[in-house]
Amino acid sequence: MLSGIPTSLGAAVVAAVAIAGAARDLRLVSCRLPEPRRQVPRAIFRQGLLPASLRFGFELGLGWLTYVPCSLPYVLLVALLLLQIPFPVAAVAGLGFGAGRAAVSVLRLLDPAREAWDHRMANAAGWLAPVSSVLGMLAVAAVLSSR
């Protein structure tokens, strides 16, 4: 958390970042997010359900691999830095994001037609990523407005 910043200024900056992030995710503006820009190696999925999920979640959580599909983690980071968000709220946000990302791996591993699942998800990505991003931004706004 950055000290000395008035809460109203911090909230305004977070709101501006959230609006910019939603505009990016809806493809109204174009900008690249800082990320490693590496795909998850397919070998991870051959390790089994639990080891694959744990490794994927650990490496993703530390920012070591994969693309970041939406701007929401960056909005949360700005909110954590500028606002006095209690640790439990921040932890729940992080766990929710991690669980959502891990669910993708788990669902793929559980689907007997994994390659078909990849194809279905590639087709859904055009609408699923922007919709989930905007829903996440609305959740952030709801939490911030309740403070």
N, C-alpha and C. Protein backbone atom coordinates (compact mmCIF):
# COMPACT_ATOMS: atom_id res chain seq x y z
N MET A 1 0.84 -1.17 0.00
CA MET A 1 0.00 0.00 0.00
C MET A 1 0.89 1.23 0.00
N LEU A 2 0.56 2.20 -0.77
CA LEU A 2 1.27 3.47 -0.79
C LEU A 2 0.62 4.39 0.22
N SER A 3 1.42 4.89 1.15
CA SER A 3 0.86 5.76 2.18
C SER A 3 0.84 7.20 1.71
N GLY A 4 0.00 7.99 2.33
CA GLY A 4 -0.05 9.41 2.05
C GLY A 4 -0.96 9.80 0.89
N ILE A 5 -1.57 8.86 0.25
CA ILE A 5 -2.48 9.17 -0.86
C ILE A 5 -3.90 9.22 -0.30
N PRO A 6 -4.60 10.32 -0.52
CA PRO A 6 -5.99 10.40 -0.02
C PRO A 6 -6.85 9.29 -0.63
N THR A 7 -7.74 8.77 0.18
CA THR A 7 -8.60 7.67 -0.27
C THR A 7 -9.41 8.05 -1.50
N SER A 8 -9.90 9.28 -1.55
CA SER A 8 -10.71 9.69 -2.71
C SER A 8 -9.87 9.70 -3.98
N LEU A 9 -8.61 10.14 -3.90
CA LEU A 9 -7.73 10.13 -5.07
C LEU A 9 -7.42 8.69 -5.48
N GLY A 10 -7.13 7.84 -4.49
CA GLY A 10 -6.86 6.43 -4.79
C GLY A 10 -8.04 5.76 -5.47
N ALA A 11 -9.25 6.03 -4.95
CA ALA A 11 -10.46 5.44 -5.54
C ALA A 11 -10.67 5.95 -6.96
N ALA A 12 -10.38 7.22 -7.20
CA ALA A 12 -10.53 7.78 -8.55
C ALA A 12 -9.54 7.13 -9.52
N VAL A 13 -8.32 6.90 -9.06
CA VAL A 13 -7.31 6.26 -9.92
C VAL A 13 -7.72 4.81 -10.20
N VAL A 14 -8.18 4.11 -9.18
CA VAL A 14 -8.63 2.73 -9.37
C VAL A 14 -9.80 2.69 -10.35
N ALA A 15 -10.74 3.61 -10.21
CA ALA A 15 -11.88 3.66 -11.14
C ALA A 15 -11.41 3.91 -12.56
N ALA A 16 -10.46 4.84 -12.74
CA ALA A 16 -9.94 5.13 -14.08
C ALA A 16 -9.23 3.92 -14.67
N VAL A 17 -8.45 3.22 -13.85
CA VAL A 17 -7.76 2.02 -14.33
C VAL A 17 -8.78 0.93 -14.68
N ALA A 18 -9.83 0.80 -13.87
CA ALA A 18 -10.87 -0.19 -14.16
C ALA A 18 -11.60 0.12 -15.46
N ILE A 19 -11.90 1.37 -15.69
CA ILE A 19 -12.57 1.77 -16.94
C ILE A 19 -11.65 1.51 -18.14
N ALA A 20 -10.38 1.87 -17.99
CA ALA A 20 -9.42 1.61 -19.07
C ALA A 20 -9.26 0.11 -19.30
N GLY A 21 -9.23 -0.66 -18.22
CA GLY A 21 -9.11 -2.11 -18.35
C GLY A 21 -10.32 -2.73 -19.03
N ALA A 22 -11.50 -2.28 -18.65
CA ALA A 22 -12.71 -2.79 -19.29
C ALA A 22 -12.74 -2.41 -20.77
N ALA A 23 -12.34 -1.19 -21.09
CA ALA A 23 -12.28 -0.77 -22.50
C ALA A 23 -11.29 -1.63 -23.28
N ARG A 24 -10.15 -1.95 -22.66
CA ARG A 24 -9.17 -2.81 -23.32
C ARG A 24 -9.74 -4.21 -23.54
N ASP A 25 -10.38 -4.76 -22.48
CA ASP A 25 -10.90 -6.11 -22.58
C ASP A 25 -12.07 -6.22 -23.56
N LEU A 26 -12.81 -5.12 -23.72
CA LEU A 26 -13.89 -5.10 -24.72
C LEU A 26 -13.39 -4.74 -26.11
N ARG A 27 -12.08 -4.59 -26.21
CA ARG A 27 -11.39 -4.29 -27.47
C ARG A 27 -11.77 -2.93 -28.05
N LEU A 28 -12.11 -1.99 -27.15
CA LEU A 28 -12.39 -0.62 -27.58
C LEU A 28 -11.09 0.17 -27.72
N VAL A 29 -10.08 -0.21 -26.97
CA VAL A 29 -8.73 0.36 -27.07
C VAL A 29 -7.75 -0.80 -27.10
N SER A 30 -6.56 -0.54 -27.59
CA SER A 30 -5.56 -1.59 -27.69
C SER A 30 -4.31 -1.20 -26.93
N CYS A 31 -3.91 -2.05 -26.01
CA CYS A 31 -2.63 -1.87 -25.32
C CYS A 31 -2.20 -3.24 -24.79
N ARG A 32 -0.89 -3.42 -24.66
CA ARG A 32 -0.37 -4.67 -24.15
C ARG A 32 -0.15 -4.56 -22.65
N LEU A 33 -0.50 -5.61 -21.95
CA LEU A 33 -0.28 -5.67 -20.52
C LEU A 33 1.08 -6.29 -20.26
N PRO A 34 1.72 -5.92 -19.15
CA PRO A 34 2.98 -6.59 -18.83
C PRO A 34 2.70 -8.03 -18.41
N GLU A 35 3.27 -8.97 -19.11
CA GLU A 35 3.07 -10.38 -18.84
C GLU A 35 4.19 -11.17 -19.49
N PRO A 36 4.42 -12.41 -19.07
CA PRO A 36 5.52 -13.18 -19.65
C PRO A 36 5.28 -13.62 -21.09
N ARG A 37 4.03 -13.67 -21.53
CA ARG A 37 3.65 -14.04 -22.89
C ARG A 37 4.21 -15.40 -23.30
N ARG A 38 4.05 -16.37 -22.41
CA ARG A 38 4.44 -17.76 -22.69
C ARG A 38 3.23 -18.65 -22.46
N GLN A 39 3.05 -19.59 -23.33
CA GLN A 39 1.96 -20.55 -23.16
C GLN A 39 2.34 -21.55 -22.07
N VAL A 40 1.35 -22.14 -21.46
CA VAL A 40 1.57 -23.20 -20.49
C VAL A 40 2.05 -24.43 -21.27
N PRO A 41 3.18 -25.01 -20.88
CA PRO A 41 3.65 -26.21 -21.58
C PRO A 41 2.65 -27.36 -21.45
N ARG A 42 2.39 -28.05 -22.53
CA ARG A 42 1.43 -29.16 -22.50
C ARG A 42 1.88 -30.26 -21.53
N ALA A 43 3.18 -30.36 -21.29
CA ALA A 43 3.70 -31.40 -20.40
C ALA A 43 3.12 -31.28 -18.99
N ILE A 44 2.74 -30.08 -18.59
CA ILE A 44 2.15 -29.89 -17.26
C ILE A 44 0.88 -30.72 -17.12
N PHE A 45 0.09 -30.80 -18.18
CA PHE A 45 -1.19 -31.50 -18.11
C PHE A 45 -1.02 -33.01 -18.04
N ARG A 46 0.15 -33.52 -18.39
CA ARG A 46 0.40 -34.97 -18.33
C ARG A 46 0.80 -35.42 -16.93
N GLN A 47 0.96 -34.49 -16.00
CA GLN A 47 1.40 -34.83 -14.65
C GLN A 47 0.26 -35.34 -13.77
N GLY A 48 -0.95 -35.25 -14.22
CA GLY A 48 -2.10 -35.65 -13.42
C GLY A 48 -2.84 -34.43 -12.91
N LEU A 49 -4.07 -34.66 -12.46
CA LEU A 49 -4.96 -33.58 -12.08
C LEU A 49 -4.40 -32.69 -10.97
N LEU A 50 -4.07 -33.26 -9.83
CA LEU A 50 -3.62 -32.46 -8.71
C LEU A 50 -2.26 -31.81 -8.95
N PRO A 51 -1.23 -32.57 -9.37
CA PRO A 51 0.07 -31.91 -9.60
C PRO A 51 0.00 -30.83 -10.68
N ALA A 52 -0.77 -31.08 -11.74
CA ALA A 52 -0.88 -30.09 -12.81
C ALA A 52 -1.56 -28.83 -12.31
N SER A 53 -2.64 -28.99 -11.55
CA SER A 53 -3.36 -27.83 -11.02
C SER A 53 -2.50 -27.03 -10.06
N LEU A 54 -1.79 -27.72 -9.17
CA LEU A 54 -0.94 -27.02 -8.21
C LEU A 54 0.21 -26.28 -8.90
N ARG A 55 0.87 -26.97 -9.84
CA ARG A 55 1.99 -26.31 -10.53
C ARG A 55 1.50 -25.12 -11.35
N PHE A 56 0.41 -25.34 -12.08
CA PHE A 56 -0.14 -24.26 -12.90
C PHE A 56 -0.52 -23.06 -12.03
N GLY A 57 -1.23 -23.32 -10.93
CA GLY A 57 -1.63 -22.24 -10.05
C GLY A 57 -0.45 -21.53 -9.42
N PHE A 58 0.55 -22.28 -8.99
CA PHE A 58 1.73 -21.68 -8.37
C PHE A 58 2.48 -20.80 -9.36
N GLU A 59 2.76 -21.34 -10.54
CA GLU A 59 3.53 -20.58 -11.53
C GLU A 59 2.72 -19.39 -12.07
N LEU A 60 1.44 -19.58 -12.23
CA LEU A 60 0.59 -18.48 -12.69
C LEU A 60 0.53 -17.40 -11.63
N GLY A 61 0.33 -17.80 -10.39
CA GLY A 61 0.23 -16.83 -9.30
C GLY A 61 1.48 -16.00 -9.13
N LEU A 62 2.62 -16.58 -9.43
CA LEU A 62 3.88 -15.83 -9.34
C LEU A 62 4.20 -15.07 -10.62
N GLY A 63 3.36 -15.22 -11.63
CA GLY A 63 3.58 -14.49 -12.88
C GLY A 63 4.68 -15.08 -13.74
N TRP A 64 4.93 -16.39 -13.60
CA TRP A 64 6.02 -17.01 -14.34
C TRP A 64 5.62 -17.51 -15.71
N LEU A 65 4.36 -17.77 -15.90
CA LEU A 65 3.97 -18.26 -17.21
C LEU A 65 2.56 -17.87 -17.56
N THR A 66 2.27 -17.98 -18.79
CA THR A 66 0.99 -17.82 -19.47
C THR A 66 0.61 -16.35 -19.71
N TYR A 67 -0.34 -16.20 -20.55
CA TYR A 67 -0.88 -14.89 -20.88
C TYR A 67 -1.89 -14.47 -19.81
N VAL A 68 -2.03 -13.20 -19.60
CA VAL A 68 -3.06 -12.70 -18.69
C VAL A 68 -4.24 -12.33 -19.58
N PRO A 69 -5.38 -13.03 -19.42
CA PRO A 69 -6.48 -12.86 -20.36
C PRO A 69 -7.27 -11.58 -20.20
N CYS A 70 -7.13 -10.92 -19.07
CA CYS A 70 -7.92 -9.71 -18.86
C CYS A 70 -7.16 -8.73 -17.97
N SER A 71 -7.68 -7.56 -17.88
CA SER A 71 -7.04 -6.48 -17.13
C SER A 71 -7.33 -6.52 -15.63
N LEU A 72 -8.26 -7.34 -15.22
CA LEU A 72 -8.70 -7.35 -13.83
C LEU A 72 -7.58 -7.52 -12.81
N PRO A 73 -6.61 -8.43 -13.00
CA PRO A 73 -5.54 -8.53 -11.99
C PRO A 73 -4.76 -7.23 -11.81
N TYR A 74 -4.62 -6.46 -12.88
CA TYR A 74 -3.92 -5.19 -12.79
C TYR A 74 -4.74 -4.15 -12.04
N VAL A 75 -6.06 -4.20 -12.23
CA VAL A 75 -6.94 -3.30 -11.48
C VAL A 75 -6.86 -3.64 -9.99
N LEU A 76 -6.87 -4.93 -9.67
CA LEU A 76 -6.77 -5.33 -8.27
C LEU A 76 -5.43 -4.91 -7.68
N LEU A 77 -4.36 -5.02 -8.45
CA LEU A 77 -3.04 -4.60 -7.96
C LEU A 77 -3.04 -3.10 -7.65
N VAL A 78 -3.58 -2.30 -8.55
CA VAL A 78 -3.65 -0.85 -8.31
C VAL A 78 -4.50 -0.56 -7.07
N ALA A 79 -5.60 -1.28 -6.93
CA ALA A 79 -6.46 -1.08 -5.76
C ALA A 79 -5.72 -1.44 -4.47
N LEU A 80 -4.97 -2.53 -4.51
CA LEU A 80 -4.21 -2.92 -3.32
C LEU A 80 -3.15 -1.89 -2.97
N LEU A 81 -2.53 -1.31 -3.98
CA LEU A 81 -1.47 -0.33 -3.73
C LEU A 81 -2.01 1.01 -3.24
N LEU A 82 -3.16 1.41 -3.74
CA LEU A 82 -3.65 2.77 -3.46
C LEU A 82 -4.70 2.86 -2.36
N LEU A 83 -5.38 1.78 -2.09
CA LEU A 83 -6.46 1.81 -1.10
C LEU A 83 -6.11 0.94 0.10
N GLN A 84 -6.70 1.22 1.18
CA GLN A 84 -6.44 0.43 2.38
C GLN A 84 -7.39 -0.76 2.41
N ILE A 85 -7.13 -1.70 1.54
CA ILE A 85 -7.98 -2.89 1.45
C ILE A 85 -7.52 -3.88 2.51
N PRO A 86 -8.43 -4.36 3.34
CA PRO A 86 -8.04 -5.34 4.37
C PRO A 86 -7.48 -6.61 3.74
N PHE A 87 -6.52 -7.22 4.41
CA PHE A 87 -5.88 -8.42 3.88
C PHE A 87 -6.88 -9.52 3.52
N PRO A 88 -7.88 -9.81 4.36
CA PRO A 88 -8.82 -10.88 3.98
C PRO A 88 -9.52 -10.62 2.65
N VAL A 89 -9.87 -9.38 2.38
CA VAL A 89 -10.52 -9.04 1.11
C VAL A 89 -9.55 -9.27 -0.05
N ALA A 90 -8.31 -8.83 0.13
CA ALA A 90 -7.30 -9.04 -0.92
C ALA A 90 -7.04 -10.52 -1.13
N ALA A 91 -6.97 -11.28 -0.04
CA ALA A 91 -6.73 -12.72 -0.15
C ALA A 91 -7.87 -13.43 -0.88
N VAL A 92 -9.10 -13.05 -0.57
CA VAL A 92 -10.26 -13.66 -1.24
C VAL A 92 -10.25 -13.32 -2.73
N ALA A 93 -9.88 -12.09 -3.07
CA ALA A 93 -9.80 -11.71 -4.48
C ALA A 93 -8.74 -12.54 -5.20
N GLY A 94 -7.59 -12.70 -4.57
CA GLY A 94 -6.53 -13.51 -5.17
C GLY A 94 -6.91 -14.97 -5.29
N LEU A 95 -7.53 -15.50 -4.26
CA LEU A 95 -7.98 -16.89 -4.30
C LEU A 95 -9.04 -17.10 -5.37
N GLY A 96 -9.95 -16.13 -5.49
CA GLY A 96 -10.99 -16.24 -6.52
C GLY A 96 -10.39 -16.24 -7.92
N PHE A 97 -9.44 -15.33 -8.16
CA PHE A 97 -8.80 -15.30 -9.47
C PHE A 97 -8.04 -16.59 -9.73
N GLY A 98 -7.29 -17.05 -8.73
CA GLY A 98 -6.53 -18.29 -8.89
C GLY A 98 -7.43 -19.49 -9.11
N ALA A 99 -8.54 -19.55 -8.37
CA ALA A 99 -9.48 -20.67 -8.54
C ALA A 99 -10.10 -20.66 -9.93
N GLY A 100 -10.42 -19.48 -10.41
CA GLY A 100 -10.98 -19.38 -11.76
C GLY A 100 -10.00 -19.84 -12.82
N ARG A 101 -8.75 -19.45 -12.67
CA ARG A 101 -7.74 -19.88 -13.63
C ARG A 101 -7.44 -21.38 -13.51
N ALA A 102 -7.40 -21.90 -12.28
CA ALA A 102 -7.15 -23.32 -12.08
C ALA A 102 -8.31 -24.16 -12.60
N ALA A 103 -9.53 -23.62 -12.51
CA ALA A 103 -10.70 -24.35 -12.98
C ALA A 103 -10.58 -24.69 -14.47
N VAL A 104 -9.96 -23.81 -15.22
CA VAL A 104 -9.78 -24.07 -16.65
C VAL A 104 -8.95 -25.34 -16.85
N SER A 105 -7.87 -25.46 -16.11
CA SER A 105 -7.02 -26.66 -16.22
C SER A 105 -7.77 -27.91 -15.76
N VAL A 106 -8.48 -27.79 -14.66
CA VAL A 106 -9.21 -28.94 -14.13
C VAL A 106 -10.29 -29.38 -15.11
N LEU A 107 -11.05 -28.44 -15.65
CA LEU A 107 -12.10 -28.80 -16.60
C LEU A 107 -11.54 -29.46 -17.85
N ARG A 108 -10.39 -28.97 -18.31
CA ARG A 108 -9.76 -29.58 -19.49
C ARG A 108 -9.31 -31.00 -19.18
N LEU A 109 -8.71 -31.20 -18.01
CA LEU A 109 -8.25 -32.54 -17.63
C LEU A 109 -9.40 -33.52 -17.46
N LEU A 110 -10.54 -33.04 -17.02
CA LEU A 110 -11.70 -33.91 -16.79
C LEU A 110 -12.47 -34.23 -18.07
N ASP A 111 -12.27 -33.44 -19.11
CA ASP A 111 -12.99 -33.66 -20.37
C ASP A 111 -12.30 -34.78 -21.15
N PRO A 112 -13.04 -35.85 -21.50
CA PRO A 112 -12.41 -36.94 -22.24
C PRO A 112 -11.96 -36.53 -23.65
N ALA A 113 -12.60 -35.53 -24.21
CA ALA A 113 -12.24 -35.04 -25.55
C ALA A 113 -11.48 -33.72 -25.40
N ARG A 114 -10.25 -33.82 -24.91
CA ARG A 114 -9.49 -32.61 -24.56
C ARG A 114 -9.22 -31.70 -25.76
N GLU A 115 -8.91 -32.28 -26.89
CA GLU A 115 -8.64 -31.45 -28.07
C GLU A 115 -9.91 -30.73 -28.53
N ALA A 116 -11.04 -31.40 -28.45
CA ALA A 116 -12.32 -30.75 -28.79
C ALA A 116 -12.62 -29.64 -27.78
N TRP A 117 -12.27 -29.86 -26.51
CA TRP A 117 -12.45 -28.84 -25.49
C TRP A 117 -11.62 -27.61 -25.83
N ASP A 118 -10.38 -27.84 -26.26
CA ASP A 118 -9.52 -26.72 -26.68
C ASP A 118 -10.17 -25.92 -27.79
N HIS A 119 -10.76 -26.62 -28.75
CA HIS A 119 -11.41 -25.95 -29.88
C HIS A 119 -12.63 -25.15 -29.42
N ARG A 120 -13.44 -25.74 -28.53
CA ARG A 120 -14.62 -25.04 -28.02
C ARG A 120 -14.20 -23.78 -27.25
N MET A 121 -13.18 -23.89 -26.45
CA MET A 121 -12.72 -22.73 -25.66
C MET A 121 -12.12 -21.65 -26.56
N ALA A 122 -11.43 -22.05 -27.61
CA ALA A 122 -10.89 -21.07 -28.55
C ALA A 122 -12.03 -20.31 -29.22
N ASN A 123 -13.10 -21.00 -29.55
CA ASN A 123 -14.27 -20.33 -30.16
C ASN A 123 -14.98 -19.43 -29.16
N ALA A 124 -15.04 -19.83 -27.90
CA ALA A 124 -15.75 -19.04 -26.89
C ALA A 124 -14.92 -17.86 -26.40
N ALA A 125 -13.62 -17.88 -26.61
CA ALA A 125 -12.74 -16.83 -26.06
C ALA A 125 -13.12 -15.45 -26.57
N GLY A 126 -13.65 -15.35 -27.77
CA GLY A 126 -14.01 -14.06 -28.33
C GLY A 126 -15.06 -13.32 -27.51
N TRP A 127 -15.97 -14.03 -26.88
CA TRP A 127 -16.99 -13.37 -26.07
C TRP A 127 -16.82 -13.64 -24.58
N LEU A 128 -16.24 -14.79 -24.22
CA LEU A 128 -16.14 -15.16 -22.82
C LEU A 128 -15.17 -14.27 -22.05
N ALA A 129 -14.02 -13.98 -22.63
CA ALA A 129 -13.03 -13.15 -21.92
C ALA A 129 -13.55 -11.74 -21.66
N PRO A 130 -14.10 -11.04 -22.66
CA PRO A 130 -14.61 -9.69 -22.35
C PRO A 130 -15.76 -9.68 -21.36
N VAL A 131 -16.66 -10.65 -21.47
CA VAL A 131 -17.81 -10.69 -20.55
C VAL A 131 -17.33 -10.95 -19.12
N SER A 132 -16.43 -11.92 -18.95
CA SER A 132 -15.95 -12.21 -17.60
C SER A 132 -15.15 -11.05 -17.03
N SER A 133 -14.42 -10.34 -17.88
CA SER A 133 -13.67 -9.18 -17.42
C SER A 133 -14.59 -8.09 -16.91
N VAL A 134 -15.63 -7.78 -17.67
CA VAL A 134 -16.55 -6.73 -17.26
C VAL A 134 -17.29 -7.14 -15.98
N LEU A 135 -17.66 -8.41 -15.85
CA LEU A 135 -18.29 -8.87 -14.62
C LEU A 135 -17.33 -8.72 -13.44
N GLY A 136 -16.06 -9.03 -13.66
CA GLY A 136 -15.07 -8.85 -12.60
C GLY A 136 -14.90 -7.39 -12.22
N MET A 137 -14.90 -6.50 -13.22
CA MET A 137 -14.78 -5.07 -12.94
C MET A 137 -15.99 -4.59 -12.13
N LEU A 138 -17.17 -5.11 -12.46
CA LEU A 138 -18.38 -4.74 -11.70
C LEU A 138 -18.28 -5.23 -10.25
N ALA A 139 -17.69 -6.41 -10.06
CA ALA A 139 -17.50 -6.92 -8.70
C ALA A 139 -16.54 -6.02 -7.92
N VAL A 140 -15.45 -5.59 -8.57
CA VAL A 140 -14.51 -4.66 -7.92
C VAL A 140 -15.23 -3.37 -7.56
N ALA A 141 -16.03 -2.84 -8.49
CA ALA A 141 -16.76 -1.61 -8.23
C ALA A 141 -17.72 -1.78 -7.05
N ALA A 142 -18.37 -2.93 -6.97
CA ALA A 142 -19.31 -3.17 -5.86
C ALA A 142 -18.56 -3.20 -4.53
N VAL A 143 -17.40 -3.84 -4.50
CA VAL A 143 -16.64 -3.89 -3.26
C VAL A 143 -16.15 -2.50 -2.87
N LEU A 144 -15.64 -1.74 -3.85
CA LEU A 144 -15.14 -0.41 -3.56
C LEU A 144 -16.25 0.54 -3.12
N SER A 145 -17.43 0.40 -3.72
CA SER A 145 -18.52 1.31 -3.36
C SER A 145 -19.12 0.98 -2.00
N SER A 146 -18.91 -0.22 -1.52
CA SER A 146 -19.45 -0.61 -0.22
C SER A 146 -18.57 -0.16 0.93
N ARG A 147 -17.43 0.41 0.63
CA ARG A 147 -16.48 0.84 1.68
C ARG A 147 -16.85 2.17 2.22
